Protein backbone atom coordinates (compact mmCIF):
# COMPACT_ATOMS: atom_id res chain seq x y z
CA MET A 1 -6.16 32.45 24.79
CA GLU A 2 -2.66 33.87 24.35
CA PRO A 3 -2.20 36.58 21.66
CA ALA A 4 0.45 34.44 19.91
CA ALA A 5 -2.00 31.56 19.62
CA ARG A 6 -4.69 33.81 18.18
CA GLN A 7 -2.49 35.18 15.38
CA PRO A 8 -2.64 32.10 13.06
CA ARG A 9 -6.43 32.01 13.42
CA ASP A 10 -6.69 35.74 12.73
CA ARG A 11 -4.56 35.41 9.61
CA ALA A 12 -6.59 32.45 8.37
CA ALA A 13 -9.85 34.33 8.99
CA GLY A 14 -8.49 37.38 7.18
CA ALA A 15 -7.42 35.31 4.16
CA TRP A 16 -10.83 33.63 4.00
CA GLN A 17 -12.60 36.99 4.21
CA TRP A 18 -10.39 38.43 1.44
CA ALA A 19 -11.06 35.47 -0.85
CA ARG A 20 -14.79 35.77 -0.19
CA THR A 21 -14.72 39.52 -0.95
CA ALA A 22 -12.77 38.99 -4.18
CA GLY A 23 -15.18 36.23 -5.22
CA THR A 24 -18.20 38.44 -4.57
CA GLN A 25 -16.71 41.33 -6.56
CA ARG A 26 -15.87 38.99 -9.45
CA ALA A 27 -19.40 37.57 -9.50
CA LEU A 28 -20.94 41.07 -9.51
CA LEU A 29 -18.63 42.26 -12.31
CA ASP A 30 -19.35 39.21 -14.48
CA ALA A 31 -23.08 39.57 -13.90
CA ALA A 32 -23.00 43.30 -14.65
CA ARG A 33 -21.12 42.70 -17.91
CA THR A 34 -23.72 40.17 -19.03
CA VAL A 35 -26.69 42.32 -18.04
CA PHE A 36 -25.23 45.50 -19.61
CA VAL A 37 -24.63 43.64 -22.89
CA GLU A 38 -28.09 42.10 -22.94
CA ARG A 39 -30.11 45.07 -21.71
CA GLY A 40 -27.90 48.09 -22.27
CA PHE A 41 -26.61 50.26 -19.44
CA ALA A 42 -29.65 52.55 -19.35
CA ASN A 43 -32.18 49.70 -19.16
CA ALA A 44 -30.20 47.44 -16.82
CA SER A 45 -31.26 47.43 -13.18
CA ILE A 46 -29.43 46.71 -9.96
CA ALA A 47 -31.95 43.95 -9.19
CA GLU A 48 -31.06 42.11 -12.43
CA VAL A 49 -27.36 42.31 -11.66
CA VAL A 50 -27.60 41.00 -8.10
CA GLN A 51 -30.01 38.26 -9.18
CA ARG A 52 -27.58 37.14 -11.90
CA ALA A 53 -24.67 37.26 -9.41
CA ASP A 54 -26.67 35.44 -6.72
CA SER A 55 -25.83 38.30 -4.36
CA SER A 56 -27.68 41.14 -2.62
CA VAL A 57 -28.28 44.82 -3.26
CA GLY A 58 -26.48 45.66 -0.04
CA SER A 59 -23.41 43.70 -1.15
CA LEU A 60 -23.34 45.50 -4.50
CA TYR A 61 -23.50 48.94 -2.87
CA HIS A 62 -20.91 47.87 -0.31
CA HIS A 63 -18.37 46.82 -2.94
CA PHE A 64 -19.06 49.29 -5.76
CA GLY A 65 -21.45 52.00 -4.61
CA GLY A 66 -23.93 51.70 -7.47
CA LYS A 67 -24.55 50.92 -11.14
CA SER A 68 -22.33 53.71 -12.49
CA GLU A 69 -19.42 52.58 -10.34
CA LEU A 70 -19.91 49.03 -11.65
CA PHE A 71 -19.65 50.28 -15.21
CA ILE A 72 -16.49 52.26 -14.38
CA ALA A 73 -14.94 49.18 -12.77
CA LEU A 74 -15.72 47.14 -15.89
CA TRP A 75 -14.22 49.82 -18.11
CA GLN A 76 -11.05 49.97 -16.00
CA GLU A 77 -10.78 46.19 -16.13
CA TYR A 78 -11.16 46.24 -19.92
CA GLN A 79 -8.60 49.03 -20.28
CA HIS A 80 -6.11 47.15 -18.11
CA ALA A 81 -6.57 44.00 -20.21
CA GLN A 82 -5.98 45.99 -23.43
CA GLU A 83 -2.85 47.60 -22.00
CA GLU A 84 -1.49 44.18 -21.04
CA ALA A 85 -2.27 42.79 -24.50
CA ALA A 86 -0.60 45.81 -26.13
CA SER A 87 2.48 45.46 -23.92
CA LYS A 88 2.84 41.80 -24.88
CA ALA A 89 2.40 42.66 -28.56
CA VAL A 90 5.03 45.40 -28.30
CA ALA A 91 7.47 43.05 -26.55
CA GLN A 92 7.01 40.40 -29.24
CA ALA A 93 7.29 42.92 -32.10
CA ARG A 94 10.35 44.55 -30.55
CA LYS A 95 11.99 41.17 -30.01
CA ALA A 96 11.28 40.18 -33.60
CA GLY A 97 12.60 43.47 -34.97
CA VAL A 98 15.69 43.74 -32.79
CA THR A 99 16.77 40.14 -33.32
CA ASP A 100 15.93 39.98 -37.04
CA SER A 101 19.38 41.03 -38.23
CA LEU A 102 21.09 38.94 -35.55
CA ASP A 103 19.09 35.87 -36.56
CA GLY A 104 20.31 36.14 -40.13
CA TYR A 105 23.90 36.87 -39.09
CA PHE A 106 24.20 33.90 -36.75
CA ALA A 107 22.38 31.59 -39.15
CA ARG A 108 24.93 32.39 -41.85
CA ARG A 109 27.86 32.32 -39.41
CA LEU A 110 26.90 28.92 -37.96
CA GLY A 111 25.89 27.44 -41.29
CA GLN A 112 22.28 26.89 -40.18
CA ILE A 113 20.60 28.29 -43.26
CA SER A 114 17.74 26.27 -44.73
CA ARG A 115 15.30 26.81 -47.55
CA LEU A 116 12.41 26.74 -45.10
CA GLY A 117 14.07 29.39 -42.92
CA ALA A 118 14.85 31.58 -45.92
CA PHE A 119 11.18 31.37 -46.93
CA LEU A 120 9.70 31.95 -43.45
CA ASP A 121 11.96 34.84 -42.39
CA PRO A 122 10.53 37.51 -44.76
CA VAL A 123 7.02 36.07 -44.41
CA ALA A 124 7.18 36.46 -40.61
CA ASP A 125 8.33 40.09 -40.94
CA LYS A 126 5.49 40.92 -43.32
CA LEU A 127 2.87 39.21 -41.15
CA ILE A 128 4.02 41.08 -38.03
CA VAL A 129 3.87 44.42 -39.85
CA ALA A 130 0.52 43.74 -41.55
CA VAL A 131 -1.21 42.56 -38.37
CA ALA A 132 0.14 45.53 -36.39
CA LEU A 133 -1.08 47.97 -39.06
CA VAL A 134 -4.58 46.44 -39.15
CA LEU A 135 -4.84 46.65 -35.34
CA LEU A 136 -3.64 50.25 -35.30
CA VAL A 137 -6.04 51.35 -38.04
CA SER A 138 -8.92 49.81 -36.05
CA ARG A 139 -7.96 52.04 -33.11
CA ASP A 140 -6.89 55.16 -35.05
CA PRO A 141 -8.72 55.44 -38.40
CA ARG A 142 -7.30 58.87 -39.31
CA PRO A 143 -6.52 59.32 -43.04
CA LEU A 144 -2.75 59.49 -42.38
CA ILE A 145 -2.74 56.15 -40.53
CA VAL A 146 -4.99 54.48 -43.10
CA LEU A 147 -2.91 55.77 -46.03
CA THR A 148 0.32 54.65 -44.38
CA ALA A 149 -1.12 51.15 -43.83
CA VAL A 150 -2.37 50.96 -47.44
CA VAL A 151 1.02 52.04 -48.82
CA ILE A 152 3.01 49.55 -46.74
CA ILE A 153 0.69 46.56 -47.20
CA GLY A 154 0.09 47.36 -50.89
CA ARG A 155 3.83 47.60 -51.54
CA GLU A 156 4.50 44.25 -49.85
CA ILE A 157 1.86 42.54 -51.99
CA THR A 158 3.21 44.17 -55.17
CA ILE A 159 6.86 43.29 -54.54
CA SER A 160 5.99 39.75 -53.44
CA ALA A 161 4.13 39.23 -56.72
CA LEU A 162 7.01 40.81 -58.65
CA ARG A 163 9.58 38.51 -57.04
CA GLU A 164 7.44 35.46 -57.74
CA TRP A 165 7.14 36.41 -61.41
CA MET A 166 10.84 37.22 -61.69
CA ALA A 167 11.69 33.84 -60.16
CA GLU A 168 9.57 32.12 -62.84
CA ILE A 169 11.65 33.71 -65.61
CA GLY A 170 14.93 33.02 -63.80
CA ALA A 171 15.70 36.64 -62.90
CA ARG A 172 15.05 36.52 -59.13
CA ARG A 173 18.46 38.01 -58.31
CA LYS A 174 17.49 41.35 -59.90
CA VAL A 175 14.91 41.95 -57.15
CA ALA A 176 16.79 40.44 -54.20
CA VAL A 177 16.36 42.18 -50.84
CA SER A 178 18.35 45.42 -50.80
CA GLN A 179 19.96 47.26 -47.88
CA LEU A 180 17.24 49.92 -48.14
CA GLY A 181 14.64 47.18 -47.77
CA LYS A 182 16.29 46.02 -44.55
CA TYR A 183 16.39 49.55 -43.16
CA LYS A 184 12.73 50.17 -43.91
CA THR A 185 11.83 46.92 -42.09
CA ILE A 186 13.70 48.12 -38.99
CA LEU A 187 11.94 51.49 -39.20
CA GLN A 188 8.58 49.76 -39.51
CA ILE A 189 9.16 47.48 -36.51
CA VAL A 190 10.41 50.31 -34.27
CA GLY A 191 7.69 52.74 -35.35
CA LEU A 192 4.87 50.23 -35.02
CA SER A 193 6.18 49.07 -31.63
CA MET A 194 6.06 52.64 -30.34
CA MET A 195 2.54 53.12 -31.71
CA LEU A 196 1.36 49.91 -30.05
CA TYR A 197 2.94 50.96 -26.75
CA ARG A 198 1.06 54.31 -26.94
CA ALA A 199 1.79 55.49 -23.36
CA PRO A 200 4.29 58.38 -22.91
CA LEU A 201 7.77 57.16 -21.96
CA LEU A 202 10.38 59.34 -20.22
CA GLY A 203 8.41 62.43 -21.19
CA LEU A 204 8.36 61.47 -24.87
CA GLN A 205 5.14 61.21 -26.87
CA THR A 206 5.74 57.60 -27.86
CA TYR A 207 2.72 57.25 -30.11
CA GLN A 208 3.44 60.39 -32.14
CA ILE A 209 7.10 59.47 -32.58
CA GLY A 210 5.97 56.02 -33.70
CA VAL A 211 3.62 57.59 -36.26
CA GLU A 212 6.43 59.72 -37.68
CA LEU A 213 8.82 56.76 -37.92
CA THR A 214 6.14 54.64 -39.60
CA VAL A 215 5.40 57.41 -42.13
CA ILE A 216 9.14 57.61 -42.91
CA ALA A 217 9.15 53.83 -43.27
CA ALA A 218 6.23 54.09 -45.72
CA ALA A 219 8.22 56.61 -47.79
CA ALA A 220 11.24 54.27 -47.75
CA THR A 221 8.88 51.46 -48.73
CA LEU A 222 7.74 53.34 -51.83
CA LEU A 223 11.32 54.28 -52.72
CA SER A 224 12.51 50.68 -52.49
CA MET A 225 9.55 49.59 -54.64
CA VAL A 226 10.64 52.07 -57.32
CA PHE A 227 14.16 50.60 -57.27
CA TYR A 228 12.83 47.05 -57.59
CA LEU A 229 10.51 48.00 -60.45
CA ARG A 230 13.35 49.78 -62.27
CA ALA A 231 15.56 46.71 -61.91
CA ALA A 232 12.79 44.49 -63.28
CA TRP A 233 11.56 46.91 -65.98
CA PRO A 234 13.65 45.48 -68.88
CA ASP A 235 12.12 42.07 -68.24
CA LEU A 236 8.64 43.53 -67.74
CA LYS A 237 8.75 45.24 -71.16
CA ARG A 238 9.40 42.00 -73.06
């Protein structure tokens, strides 16, 4: 047979072999995950893994080298999935933060303001910030991070309740969103985005810079709360 005629067959055979190898590795990883969860790493055996994967001991050692290597492969897979999830979260948070001011500007410019939009805009900002803070505290429960999260979330709850009460007495304008409030939201979005990204970027310690920005945002959050409470104080004393 001519070499040119053999090439399509060789490529097809290679593709089939690759698909089979990938399928075997996937089956072994899925089986190992299940067995490790059920039995624990120390008590799990190679025989249980290959039986669950419907494979052989030789195949497991060929693809991974042993039980420890299987665990490392699972950990790397998990880490990669978390990094992808974090990257998507950062992209969404950054998009929401960067476009927040533009959204409001174009809505006013084009006359597309609605009551529903006016209600949902600040709610969306607060939800993004609160969810990001909860996720970060679950990964980094240091006192500074916890305190920052408590200050920011606690302030948002307090001011939301204050605005609702002021609206009931017809004095909502006294606690309308200030310029400082807008700045602190931008600081929060940028800082939290950098903390979610975590990985160093261009030699910069992204996570630490994000922590510092978020702490500054928490301070601005408290300061804006003081201004709102001062504006509402005459009505609160009645």
